């Protein structure tokens, strides 16, 4: 179901500290960027898109935009 996929894409849970990479952006930003759905004052998820196909390969696309 599409809603289940959108729920997954809306997950704001962050990674555990011991799972964070060290990319040089600092701990706070690294933590924020570890979520599936990112929301910070200056950066974040702009949209979520789900594409599904049925057994006859008919596709449907649904997108949700965040402003």
PDB file of N, CA and C in Angstrom:
ATOM      1  N   UNK A   1       0.841  -1.182   0.000  1.00  0.00           N
ATOM      2  CA  UNK A   1       0.000   0.000   0.000  1.00  0.00           C
ATOM      3  C   UNK A   1       0.884   1.243   0.000  1.00  0.00           C
ATOM      4  N   UNK A   2       0.455   2.227  -0.784  1.00  0.00           N
ATOM      5  CA  UNK A   2       1.247   3.455  -0.904  1.00  0.00           C
ATOM      6  C   UNK A   2       1.428   4.166   0.432  1.00  0.00           C
ATOM      7  N   UNK A   3       0.385   4.189   1.251  1.00  0.00           N
ATOM      8  CA  UNK A   3       0.495   4.914   2.519  1.00  0.00           C
ATOM      9  C   UNK A   3       1.586   4.324   3.400  1.00  0.00           C
ATOM     10  N   UNK A   4       1.742   3.014   3.392  1.00  0.00           N
ATOM     11  CA  UNK A   4       2.797   2.367   4.163  1.00  0.00           C
ATOM     12  C   UNK A   4       4.164   2.841   3.686  1.00  0.00           C
ATOM     13  N   UNK A   5       4.334   2.965   2.375  1.00  0.00           N
ATOM     14  CA  UNK A   5       5.602   3.453   1.830  1.00  0.00           C
ATOM     15  C   UNK A   5       5.834   4.917   2.197  1.00  0.00           C
ATOM     16  N   UNK A   6       4.785   5.740   2.134  1.00  0.00           N
ATOM     17  CA  UNK A   6       4.927   7.138   2.539  1.00  0.00           C
ATOM     18  C   UNK A   6       5.245   7.252   4.031  1.00  0.00           C
ATOM     19  N   UNK A   7       4.664   6.380   4.834  1.00  0.00           N
ATOM     20  CA  UNK A   7       4.986   6.375   6.269  1.00  0.00           C
ATOM     21  C   UNK A   7       6.456   6.061   6.485  1.00  0.00           C
ATOM     22  N   UNK A   8       6.985   5.125   5.739  1.00  0.00           N
ATOM     23  CA  UNK A   8       8.403   4.793   5.838  1.00  0.00           C
ATOM     24  C   UNK A   8       9.270   5.989   5.435  1.00  0.00           C
ATOM     25  N   UNK A   9       8.901   6.661   4.352  1.00  0.00           N
ATOM     26  CA  UNK A   9       9.673   7.810   3.894  1.00  0.00           C
ATOM     27  C   UNK A   9       9.566   9.010   4.834  1.00  0.00           C
ATOM     28  N   UNK A  10       8.588   9.023   5.720  1.00  0.00           N
ATOM     29  CA  UNK A  10       8.402  10.114   6.675  1.00  0.00           C
ATOM     30  C   UNK A  10       9.125   9.877   7.998  1.00  0.00           C
ATOM     31  N   UNK A  11       9.858   8.789   8.107  1.00  0.00           N
ATOM     32  CA  UNK A  11      10.537   8.429   9.356  1.00  0.00           C
ATOM     33  C   UNK A  11      11.636   9.439   9.701  1.00  0.00           C
ATOM     34  N   UNK A  12      11.495  10.099  10.848  1.00  0.00           N
ATOM     35  CA  UNK A  12      12.470  11.101  11.293  1.00  0.00           C
ATOM     36  C   UNK A  12      13.444  10.550  12.332  1.00  0.00           C
ATOM     37  N   UNK A  13      13.380   9.252  12.583  1.00  0.00           N
ATOM     38  CA  UNK A  13      14.300   8.640  13.548  1.00  0.00           C
ATOM     39  C   UNK A  13      15.737   8.769  13.027  1.00  0.00           C
ATOM     40  N   UNK A  14      16.640   9.063  13.932  1.00  0.00           N
ATOM     41  CA  UNK A  14      18.044   9.203  13.549  1.00  0.00           C
ATOM     42  C   UNK A  14      18.835   7.974  13.964  1.00  0.00           C
ATOM     43  N   UNK A  15      19.991   7.816  13.347  1.00  0.00           N
ATOM     44  CA  UNK A  15      20.856   6.670  13.632  1.00  0.00           C
ATOM     45  C   UNK A  15      21.460   6.782  15.023  1.00  0.00           C
ATOM     46  N   UNK A  16      21.803   5.649  15.578  1.00  0.00           N
ATOM     47  CA  UNK A  16      22.523   5.629  16.852  1.00  0.00           C
ATOM     48  C   UNK A  16      23.905   6.254  16.644  1.00  0.00           C
ATOM     49  N   UNK A  17      24.432   6.850  17.684  1.00  0.00           N
ATOM     50  CA  UNK A  17      25.725   7.539  17.576  1.00  0.00           C
ATOM     51  C   UNK A  17      26.821   6.641  17.018  1.00  0.00           C
ATOM     52  N   UNK A  18      26.838   5.380  17.420  1.00  0.00           N
ATOM     53  CA  UNK A  18      27.904   4.486  16.954  1.00  0.00           C
ATOM     54  C   UNK A  18      27.714   4.042  15.499  1.00  0.00           C
ATOM     55  N   UNK A  19      26.591   4.415  14.879  1.00  0.00           N
ATOM     56  CA  UNK A  19      26.352   4.095  13.475  1.00  0.00           C
ATOM     57  C   UNK A  19      26.625   5.277  12.545  1.00  0.00           C
ATOM     58  N   UNK A  20      26.909   6.440  13.124  1.00  0.00           N
ATOM     59  CA  UNK A  20      27.125   7.631  12.310  1.00  0.00           C
ATOM     60  C   UNK A  20      28.496   7.593  11.642  1.00  0.00           C
ATOM     61  N   UNK A  21      28.558   7.974  10.360  1.00  0.00           N
ATOM     62  CA  UNK A  21      29.864   8.092   9.723  1.00  0.00           C
ATOM     63  C   UNK A  21      30.534   9.389  10.168  1.00  0.00           C
ATOM     64  N   UNK A  22      31.783   9.540   9.874  1.00  0.00           N
ATOM     65  CA  UNK A  22      32.486  10.785  10.160  1.00  0.00           C
ATOM     66  C   UNK A  22      32.837  11.429   8.833  1.00  0.00           C
ATOM     67  N   UNK A  23      31.908  12.249   8.323  1.00  0.00           N
ATOM     68  CA  UNK A  23      32.105  12.871   7.016  1.00  0.00           C
ATOM     69  C   UNK A  23      32.665  14.281   7.121  1.00  0.00           C
ATOM     70  N   UNK A  24      32.858  14.745   8.356  1.00  0.00           N
ATOM     71  CA  UNK A  24      33.451  16.063   8.556  1.00  0.00           C
ATOM     72  C   UNK A  24      32.462  17.201   8.699  1.00  0.00           C
ATOM     73  N   UNK A  25      31.163  16.903   8.760  1.00  0.00           N
ATOM     74  CA  UNK A  25      30.177  17.987   8.883  1.00  0.00           C
ATOM     75  C   UNK A  25      29.835  18.299  10.334  1.00  0.00           C
ATOM     76  N   UNK A  26      30.350  17.557  11.258  1.00  0.00           N
ATOM     77  CA  UNK A  26      30.046  17.773  12.675  1.00  0.00           C
ATOM     78  C   UNK A  26      28.937  16.855  13.153  1.00  0.00           C
ATOM     79  N   UNK A  27      28.952  16.621  14.450  1.00  0.00           N
ATOM     80  CA  UNK A  27      28.025  15.655  15.041  1.00  0.00           C
ATOM     81  C   UNK A  27      26.560  16.017  14.821  1.00  0.00           C
ATOM     82  N   UNK A  28      26.162  17.250  15.131  1.00  0.00           N
ATOM     83  CA  UNK A  28      24.743  17.631  15.066  1.00  0.00           C
ATOM     84  C   UNK A  28      24.176  17.470  13.658  1.00  0.00           C
ATOM     85  N   UNK A  29      24.903  17.943  12.661  1.00  0.00           N
ATOM     86  CA  UNK A  29      24.423  17.823  11.284  1.00  0.00           C
ATOM     87  C   UNK A  29      24.454  16.366  10.827  1.00  0.00           C
ATOM     88  N   UNK A  30      25.501  15.652  11.196  1.00  0.00           N
ATOM     89  CA  UNK A  30      25.586  14.231  10.840  1.00  0.00           C
ATOM     90  C   UNK A  30      24.389  13.470  11.402  1.00  0.00           C
ATOM     91  N   UNK A  31      24.028  13.773  12.632  1.00  0.00           N
ATOM     92  CA  UNK A  31      22.875  13.126  13.280  1.00  0.00           C
ATOM     93  C   UNK A  31      21.589  13.454  12.520  1.00  0.00           C
ATOM     94  N   UNK A  32      21.388  14.729  12.190  1.00  0.00           N
ATOM     95  CA  UNK A  32      20.178  15.151  11.474  1.00  0.00           C
ATOM     96  C   UNK A  32      20.098  14.500  10.099  1.00  0.00           C
ATOM     97  N   UNK A  33      21.226  14.372   9.424  1.00  0.00           N
ATOM     98  CA  UNK A  33      21.243  13.812   8.070  1.00  0.00           C
ATOM     99  C   UNK A  33      21.068  12.300   8.045  1.00  0.00           C
ATOM    100  N   UNK A  34      21.112  11.655   9.207  1.00  0.00           N
ATOM    101  CA  UNK A  34      20.975  10.201   9.252  1.00  0.00           C
ATOM    102  C   UNK A  34      19.519   9.733   9.163  1.00  0.00           C
ATOM    103  N   UNK A  35      18.575  10.639   9.290  1.00  0.00           N
ATOM    104  CA  UNK A  35      17.153  10.283   9.219  1.00  0.00           C
ATOM    105  C   UNK A  35      16.732  10.058   7.767  1.00  0.00           C
ATOM    106  N   UNK A  36      15.689   9.277   7.565  1.00  0.00           N
ATOM    107  CA  UNK A  36      15.135   9.108   6.223  1.00  0.00           C
ATOM    108  C   UNK A  36      14.497  10.420   5.776  1.00  0.00           C
ATOM    109  N   UNK A  37      13.687  11.025   6.647  1.00  0.00           N
ATOM    110  CA  UNK A  37      13.085  12.335   6.385  1.00  0.00           C
ATOM    111  C   UNK A  37      13.895  13.361   7.157  1.00  0.00           C
ATOM    112  N   UNK A  38      14.529  14.260   6.439  1.00  0.00           N
ATOM    113  CA  UNK A  38      15.437  15.234   7.058  1.00  0.00           C
ATOM    114  C   UNK A  38      14.735  16.577   7.178  1.00  0.00           C
ATOM    115  N   UNK A  39      14.843  17.184   8.364  1.00  0.00           N
ATOM    116  CA  UNK A  39      14.280  18.510   8.580  1.00  0.00           C
ATOM    117  C   UNK A  39      15.210  19.295   9.499  1.00  0.00           C
ATOM    118  N   UNK A  40      15.866  20.283   8.929  1.00  0.00           N
ATOM    119  CA  UNK A  40      16.687  21.209   9.700  1.00  0.00           C
ATOM    120  C   UNK A  40      16.260  22.617   9.294  1.00  0.00           C
ATOM    121  N   UNK A  41      16.720  23.645   9.994  1.00  0.00           N
ATOM    122  CA  UNK A  41      16.341  25.013   9.597  1.00  0.00           C
ATOM    123  C   UNK A  41      16.809  25.406   8.187  1.00  0.00           C
ATOM    124  N   UNK A  42      17.858  24.758   7.689  1.00  0.00           N
ATOM    125  CA  UNK A  42      18.410  25.181   6.399  1.00  0.00           C
ATOM    126  C   UNK A  42      18.448  24.076   5.336  1.00  0.00           C
ATOM    127  N   UNK A  43      18.065  22.861   5.681  1.00  0.00           N
ATOM    128  CA  UNK A  43      18.190  21.744   4.749  1.00  0.00           C
ATOM    129  C   UNK A  43      17.166  20.687   5.099  1.00  0.00           C
ATOM    130  N   UNK A  44      16.639  20.007   4.084  1.00  0.00           N
ATOM    131  CA  UNK A  44      15.714  18.933   4.402  1.00  0.00           C
ATOM    132  C   UNK A  44      15.085  18.288   3.194  1.00  0.00           C
ATOM    133  N   UNK A  45      14.210  17.348   3.467  1.00  0.00           N
ATOM    134  CA  UNK A  45      13.494  16.612   2.445  1.00  0.00           C
ATOM    135  C   UNK A  45      12.497  17.538   1.768  1.00  0.00           C
ATOM    136  N   UNK A  46      12.562  17.619   0.441  1.00  0.00           N
ATOM    137  CA  UNK A  46      11.658  18.482  -0.318  1.00  0.00           C
ATOM    138  C   UNK A  46      10.423  17.750  -0.786  1.00  0.00           C
ATOM    139  N   UNK A  47      10.574  16.452  -1.073  1.00  0.00           N
ATOM    140  CA  UNK A  47       9.426  15.677  -1.527  1.00  0.00           C
ATOM    141  C   UNK A  47       9.695  14.194  -1.304  1.00  0.00           C
ATOM    142  N   UNK A  48       8.624  13.436  -1.305  1.00  0.00           N
ATOM    143  CA  UNK A  48       8.702  11.974  -1.240  1.00  0.00           C
ATOM    144  C   UNK A  48       7.895  11.433  -2.410  1.00  0.00           C
ATOM    145  N   UNK A  49       8.466  10.465  -3.112  1.00  0.00           N
ATOM    146  CA  UNK A  49       7.833   9.913  -4.306  1.00  0.00           C
ATOM    147  C   UNK A  49       7.727   8.398  -4.185  1.00  0.00           C
ATOM    148  N   UNK A  50       6.549   7.883  -4.488  1.00  0.00           N
ATOM    149  CA  UNK A  50       6.323   6.440  -4.494  1.00  0.00           C
ATOM    150  C   UNK A  50       5.881   6.054  -5.908  1.00  0.00           C
ATOM    151  N   UNK A  51       6.574   5.083  -6.471  1.00  0.00           N
ATOM    152  CA  UNK A  51       6.231   4.545  -7.784  1.00  0.00           C
ATOM    153  C   UNK A  51       5.859   3.081  -7.590  1.00  0.00           C
ATOM    154  N   UNK A  52       4.694   2.703  -8.075  1.00  0.00           N
ATOM    155  CA  UNK A  52       4.242   1.310  -7.957  1.00  0.00           C
ATOM    156  C   UNK A  52       3.889   0.775  -9.331  1.00  0.00           C
ATOM    157  N   UNK A  53       3.992  -0.548  -9.472  1.00  0.00           N
ATOM    158  CA  UNK A  53       3.628  -1.226 -10.702  1.00  0.00           C
ATOM    159  C   UNK A  53       2.751  -2.421 -10.349  1.00  0.00           C
ATOM    160  N   UNK A  54       1.715  -2.636 -11.144  1.00  0.00           N
ATOM    161  CA  UNK A  54       0.896  -3.814 -10.934  1.00  0.00           C
ATOM    162  C   UNK A  54       1.456  -4.973 -11.763  1.00  0.00           C
ATOM    163  N   UNK A  55       0.772  -6.100 -11.757  1.00  0.00           N
ATOM    164  CA  UNK A  55       1.278  -7.302 -12.431  1.00  0.00           C
ATOM    165  C   UNK A  55       1.343  -7.168 -13.952  1.00  0.00           C
ATOM    166  N   UNK A  56       0.601  -6.233 -14.499  1.00  0.00           N
ATOM    167  CA  UNK A  56       0.649  -6.013 -15.951  1.00  0.00           C
ATOM    168  C   UNK A  56       1.581  -4.838 -16.287  1.00  0.00           C
ATOM    169  N   UNK A  57       2.405  -4.447 -15.324  1.00  0.00           N
ATOM    170  CA  UNK A  57       3.411  -3.402 -15.480  1.00  0.00           C
ATOM    171  C   UNK A  57       2.827  -2.018 -15.728  1.00  0.00           C
ATOM    172  N   UNK A  58       1.587  -1.824 -15.309  1.00  0.00           N
ATOM    173  CA  UNK A  58       1.002  -0.489 -15.324  1.00  0.00           C
ATOM    174  C   UNK A  58       1.535   0.248 -14.104  1.00  0.00           C
ATOM    175  N   UNK A  59       2.113   1.411 -14.337  1.00  0.00           N
ATOM    176  CA  UNK A  59       2.721   2.148 -13.245  1.00  0.00           C
ATOM    177  C   UNK A  59       1.889   3.303 -12.744  1.00  0.00           C
ATOM    178  N   UNK A  60       2.084   3.634 -11.485  1.00  0.00           N
ATOM    179  CA  UNK A  60       1.476   4.800 -10.877  1.00  0.00           C
ATOM    180  C   UNK A  60       2.551   5.525 -10.082  1.00  0.00           C
ATOM    181  N   UNK A  61       2.520   6.825 -10.149  1.00  0.00           N
ATOM    182  CA  UNK A  61       3.465   7.659  -9.430  1.00  0.00           C
ATOM    183  C   UNK A  61       2.676   8.621  -8.563  1.00  0.00           C
ATOM    184  N   UNK A  62       3.062   8.730  -7.299  1.00  0.00           N
ATOM    185  CA  UNK A  62       2.453   9.712  -6.405  1.00  0.00           C
ATOM    186  C   UNK A  62       3.574  10.417  -5.671  1.00  0.00           C
ATOM    187  N   UNK A  63       3.465  11.744  -5.621  1.00  0.00           N
ATOM    188  CA  UNK A  63       4.497  12.533  -4.973  1.00  0.00           C
ATOM    189  C   UNK A  63       3.868  13.467  -3.972  1.00  0.00           C
ATOM    190  N   UNK A  64       4.540  13.626  -2.841  1.00  0.00           N
ATOM    191  CA  UNK A  64       4.097  14.574  -1.819  1.00  0.00           C
ATOM    192  C   UNK A  64       5.209  15.595  -1.641  1.00  0.00           C
ATOM    193  N   UNK A  65       4.841  16.857  -1.736  1.00  0.00           N
ATOM    194  CA  UNK A  65       5.807  17.951  -1.676  1.00  0.00           C
ATOM    195  C   UNK A  65       5.677  18.646  -0.333  1.00  0.00           C
ATOM    196  N   UNK A  66       6.816  18.989   0.246  1.00  0.00           N
ATOM    197  CA  UNK A  66       6.857  19.662   1.552  1.00  0.00           C
ATOM    198  C   UNK A  66       7.473  21.041   1.371  1.00  0.00           C
ATOM    199  N   UNK A  67       6.800  22.033   1.899  1.00  0.00           N
ATOM    200  CA  UNK A  67       7.312  23.405   1.796  1.00  0.00           C
ATOM    201  C   UNK A  67       7.498  24.011   3.160  1.00  0.00           C
TER     202      UNK A  67
END
